[in-house]
Amino acid sequence: MDSLGGSSFTLMIACISPSSEYLEETLSTLHYATRARNIKNKPTVQVNAADMLVMNLQRQNAQLRAEKEALELRLGLLVDQHSDRSRNLSETTMTMSGKEGKSHGSFSEIKLPLLSSSKPFIQREQPNTDQRSEMYRLQLAYDQLLRDHAAVNGKVLLLEDRIRHLESSESSLNAHAATESVTSSHGNAIDYLKRQVRQLQQREQDLMQALVRSNTPRSRICSLLPAQRLDVDDVA
């Protein structure tokens, strides 16, 4: 498979000649340029491993926050639905209690109307049971949503703590790298000064030898030399 390598866009300039003398080279260049033009390179950004990990954690954090908001929305809708069901159940219970009181009052007067009204009362009791089952189902769903919300919230807090830890570690590494850079610069300056001292000492020795060869008096030589010599170890 043809590949140009690397992870960036590649610009290629193909030089051809109309002369028959370079026909073979021209055809080879055109053939290679045609193949290279069909290669699709996708540029990628070189990212540090620590930065990539922080970006992935931030992406997961954003995803978990979105899930948390969705769960909170579902939880709010379920709470509203639960409140409506409870209100309807309370109204139905109050209505049935009132009708039951009236039926109990008429029982002392006549039994036949009470027996005839027992069938509708049983029929009204059945919807009440269905509502209680629905309330129980909604309560289970509500509890499950609360557990899911707590789990997502815990993951969000854990990811935020990891992000803070990684950012703190990265800051420490940057500070350490800056300190090493300053130390390296100081060491380079010391080495430079040592080289300068060695050169000056060598020049001093050459000067003394030249003066000795020229039969210069010793008092004159001492007056030409500096009063205090700088040693290489003094630089450090």
Protein backbone atom coordinates (compact mmCIF):
# COMPACT_ATOMS: atom_id res chain seq x y z
CA MET A 1 0.00 0.00 0.00
CA ASP A 2 1.37 3.40 -1.00
CA SER A 3 2.20 5.69 1.89
CA LEU A 4 4.11 8.93 2.28
CA GLY A 5 4.60 8.41 6.01
CA GLY A 6 4.28 10.96 8.75
CA SER A 7 1.12 12.56 10.09
CA SER A 8 0.97 15.85 8.20
CA PHE A 9 0.14 17.17 4.77
CA THR A 10 2.87 16.61 2.18
CA LEU A 11 3.58 19.00 -0.69
CA MET A 12 5.29 17.43 -3.69
CA ILE A 13 6.76 19.33 -6.65
CA ALA A 14 7.32 17.19 -9.75
CA CYS A 15 9.80 18.56 -12.28
CA ILE A 16 9.44 17.30 -15.87
CA SER A 17 11.13 18.19 -19.13
CA PRO A 18 9.72 18.33 -22.68
CA SER A 19 13.02 17.12 -24.06
CA SER A 20 13.17 13.60 -25.51
CA GLU A 21 16.49 13.14 -23.78
CA TYR A 22 14.75 13.01 -20.38
CA LEU A 23 11.68 11.09 -21.54
CA GLU A 24 12.28 8.12 -19.23
CA GLU A 25 12.76 10.35 -16.16
CA THR A 26 9.69 12.42 -17.08
CA LEU A 27 7.47 9.35 -17.42
CA SER A 28 8.78 7.93 -14.13
CA THR A 29 8.13 11.25 -12.36
CA LEU A 30 4.59 11.50 -13.75
CA HIS A 31 3.85 7.90 -12.75
CA TYR A 32 5.10 8.47 -9.20
CA ALA A 33 3.26 11.80 -8.91
CA THR A 34 0.02 10.13 -10.03
CA ARG A 35 0.39 7.45 -7.36
CA ALA A 36 1.32 10.01 -4.70
CA ARG A 37 -1.70 12.16 -5.54
CA ASN A 38 -4.04 9.27 -4.71
CA ILE A 39 -2.57 8.93 -1.21
CA LYS A 40 -4.85 10.44 1.44
CA ASN A 41 -2.95 11.56 4.51
CA LYS A 42 -4.79 12.77 7.58
CA PRO A 43 -2.85 15.26 9.70
CA THR A 44 -2.85 14.57 13.42
CA VAL A 45 -1.81 16.82 16.27
CA GLN A 46 1.04 15.55 18.43
CA VAL A 47 -0.33 15.62 21.98
CA ASN A 48 1.49 14.82 25.18
CA ALA A 49 0.36 11.62 26.92
CA ALA A 50 -0.61 13.49 30.09
CA ASP A 51 -2.56 16.08 28.09
CA MET A 52 -4.33 13.31 26.16
CA LEU A 53 -5.33 11.61 29.43
CA VAL A 54 -6.67 14.91 30.80
CA MET A 55 -8.65 15.50 27.58
CA ASN A 56 -10.16 11.99 27.75
CA LEU A 57 -11.12 12.47 31.40
CA GLN A 58 -12.69 15.84 30.62
CA ARG A 59 -14.63 14.24 27.75
CA GLN A 60 -15.89 11.47 30.07
CA ASN A 61 -16.74 14.10 32.68
CA ALA A 62 -18.84 16.03 30.16
CA GLN A 63 -20.60 12.83 29.08
CA LEU A 64 -21.39 11.87 32.68
CA ARG A 65 -22.68 15.37 33.39
CA ALA A 66 -25.01 15.07 30.39
CA GLU A 67 -26.26 11.70 31.69
CA LYS A 68 -26.71 13.27 35.12
CA GLU A 69 -28.84 16.09 33.67
CA ALA A 70 -30.93 13.56 31.72
CA LEU A 71 -31.51 11.52 34.89
CA GLU A 72 -32.47 14.64 36.82
CA LEU A 73 -34.99 15.52 34.09
CA ARG A 74 -36.49 12.03 34.16
CA LEU A 75 -36.54 12.18 37.94
CA GLY A 76 -38.47 15.46 37.87
CA LEU A 77 -41.02 14.08 35.41
CA LEU A 78 -41.44 10.96 37.51
CA VAL A 79 -41.95 13.02 40.67
CA ASP A 80 -44.64 15.11 38.94
CA GLN A 81 -46.34 11.97 37.67
CA HIS A 82 -46.11 10.42 41.12
CA SER A 83 -47.72 13.53 42.65
CA ASP A 84 -50.57 13.47 40.12
CA ARG A 85 -51.22 9.79 40.80
CA SER A 86 -51.21 10.37 44.54
CA ARG A 87 -53.65 13.27 44.22
CA ASN A 88 -56.00 11.23 42.01
CA LEU A 89 -55.80 8.29 44.42
CA SER A 90 -56.64 10.54 47.38
CA GLU A 91 -59.63 12.02 45.57
CA THR A 92 -60.87 8.56 44.58
CA THR A 93 -60.48 7.28 48.15
CA MET A 94 -62.41 10.24 49.57
CA THR A 95 -65.20 9.75 47.04
CA MET A 96 -65.45 6.05 47.81
CA SER A 97 -65.43 6.72 51.56
CA GLY A 98 -68.35 9.14 51.16
CA LYS A 99 -70.33 6.69 49.09
CA GLU A 100 -69.54 3.89 51.51
CA GLY A 101 -70.90 6.01 54.39
CA LYS A 102 -74.13 6.63 52.52
CA SER A 103 -74.49 2.92 51.77
CA HIS A 104 -73.90 2.07 55.43
CA GLY A 105 -76.62 4.56 56.46
CA SER A 106 -79.14 3.08 54.08
CA PHE A 107 -78.34 -0.46 55.29
CA SER A 108 -80.25 0.12 58.52
CA GLU A 109 -83.31 1.20 56.54
CA ILE A 110 -83.45 -1.39 53.76
CA LYS A 111 -81.20 -4.33 52.82
CA LEU A 112 -82.20 -4.76 49.22
CA PRO A 113 -80.70 -1.47 47.93
CA LEU A 114 -77.49 -2.30 49.79
CA LEU A 115 -77.23 -5.72 48.14
CA SER A 116 -77.92 -4.22 44.76
CA SER A 117 -75.22 -1.56 45.27
CA SER A 118 -72.55 -4.07 46.38
CA LYS A 119 -71.70 -5.04 42.80
CA PRO A 120 -70.87 -1.46 41.67
CA PHE A 121 -68.79 -1.02 44.83
CA ILE A 122 -66.67 -4.08 43.93
CA GLN A 123 -66.27 -2.72 40.43
CA ARG A 124 -65.03 0.59 41.87
CA GLU A 125 -62.59 -1.27 44.14
CA GLN A 126 -60.82 -2.83 41.14
CA PRO A 127 -59.54 0.51 39.70
CA ASN A 128 -58.30 1.39 43.18
CA THR A 129 -56.15 -1.78 43.21
CA ASP A 130 -54.78 -0.96 39.75
CA GLN A 131 -53.83 2.51 40.93
CA ARG A 132 -52.00 1.08 43.92
CA SER A 133 -50.05 -1.25 41.62
CA GLU A 134 -49.19 1.67 39.38
CA MET A 135 -48.05 3.68 42.40
CA TYR A 136 -45.82 0.80 43.50
CA ARG A 137 -44.30 0.54 40.02
CA LEU A 138 -43.63 4.29 39.94
CA GLN A 139 -42.04 4.12 43.38
CA LEU A 140 -39.65 1.38 42.20
CA ALA A 141 -38.72 3.41 39.12
CA TYR A 142 -38.19 6.48 41.29
CA ASP A 143 -35.85 4.60 43.64
CA GLN A 144 -33.89 3.20 40.67
CA LEU A 145 -33.46 6.70 39.22
CA LEU A 146 -32.18 7.93 42.58
CA ARG A 147 -29.58 5.13 42.65
CA ASP A 148 -28.51 5.86 39.06
CA HIS A 149 -28.22 9.56 39.85
CA ALA A 150 -26.04 8.85 42.90
CA ALA A 151 -23.78 6.53 40.87
CA VAL A 152 -23.32 9.07 38.06
CA ASN A 153 -22.64 11.84 40.57
CA GLY A 154 -19.97 9.69 42.23
CA LYS A 155 -18.27 9.06 38.88
CA VAL A 156 -18.30 12.79 38.10
CA LEU A 157 -16.65 13.61 41.44
CA LEU A 158 -14.04 10.87 40.92
CA LEU A 159 -13.16 12.13 37.43
CA GLU A 160 -12.89 15.73 38.64
CA ASP A 161 -10.52 14.60 41.41
CA ARG A 162 -8.34 12.72 38.88
CA ILE A 163 -8.26 15.77 36.59
CA ARG A 164 -7.13 18.00 39.48
CA HIS A 165 -4.44 15.46 40.42
CA LEU A 166 -3.13 15.26 36.84
CA GLU A 167 -3.07 19.03 36.46
CA SER A 168 -1.16 19.33 39.75
CA SER A 169 1.35 16.68 38.60
CA GLU A 170 1.80 18.46 35.28
CA SER A 171 2.46 21.77 37.07
CA SER A 172 5.08 20.08 39.27
CA LEU A 173 6.77 18.56 36.21
CA ASN A 174 6.85 21.94 34.46
CA ALA A 175 8.36 23.58 37.56
CA HIS A 176 10.99 20.81 37.81
CA ALA A 177 11.85 21.22 34.11
CA ALA A 178 12.24 24.98 34.57
CA THR A 179 14.56 24.40 37.56
CA GLU A 180 16.70 21.99 35.56
CA SER A 181 16.91 24.53 32.74
CA VAL A 182 18.15 27.23 35.14
CA THR A 183 20.71 24.82 36.64
CA SER A 184 21.94 23.88 33.17
CA SER A 185 22.33 27.55 32.21
CA HIS A 186 24.29 28.23 35.43
CA GLY A 187 26.56 25.26 34.71
CA ASN A 188 27.20 26.49 31.16
CA ALA A 189 28.17 29.93 32.50
CA ILE A 190 30.62 28.38 34.98
CA ASP A 191 32.21 26.24 32.24
CA TYR A 192 32.61 29.33 30.08
CA LEU A 193 34.33 31.24 32.89
CA LYS A 194 36.68 28.30 33.54
CA ARG A 195 37.70 28.26 29.89
CA GLN A 196 38.38 32.00 30.03
CA VAL A 197 40.57 31.56 33.15
CA ARG A 198 42.56 28.76 31.49
CA GLN A 199 43.14 30.91 28.44
CA LEU A 200 44.34 33.82 30.61
CA GLN A 201 46.69 31.53 32.54
CA GLN A 202 48.11 30.16 29.32
CA ARG A 203 48.66 33.67 27.99
CA GLU A 204 50.39 34.60 31.29
CA GLN A 205 52.73 31.61 31.00
CA ASP A 206 53.53 32.47 27.39
CA LEU A 207 54.28 36.05 28.41
CA MET A 208 56.63 34.94 31.19
CA GLN A 209 58.51 32.62 28.85
CA ALA A 210 58.86 35.39 26.28
CA LEU A 211 60.19 37.78 28.92
CA VAL A 212 62.67 35.19 30.20
CA ARG A 213 63.94 34.55 26.70
CA SER A 214 64.41 38.30 26.17
CA ASN A 215 66.62 38.56 29.33
CA THR A 216 64.18 40.90 31.07
CA PRO A 217 65.14 41.56 34.73
CA ARG A 218 63.14 39.60 37.33
CA SER A 219 61.88 42.79 39.00
CA ARG A 220 60.49 43.94 35.66
CA ILE A 221 58.77 40.57 35.14
CA CYS A 222 57.12 40.74 38.59
CA SER A 223 55.87 44.27 37.90
CA LEU A 224 54.24 43.13 34.65
CA LEU A 225 52.40 40.20 36.29
CA PRO A 226 49.07 40.80 38.10
CA ALA A 227 49.19 41.13 41.87
CA GLN A 228 46.74 38.25 42.42
CA ARG A 229 46.25 35.28 40.11
CA LEU A 230 42.85 33.84 39.44
CA ASP A 231 42.71 30.09 39.73
CA VAL A 232 40.24 27.88 37.89
CA ASP A 233 38.81 26.48 41.12
CA ASP A 234 37.96 30.02 42.29
CA VAL A 235 35.39 30.31 39.49
CA ALA A 236 33.32 27.42 40.80
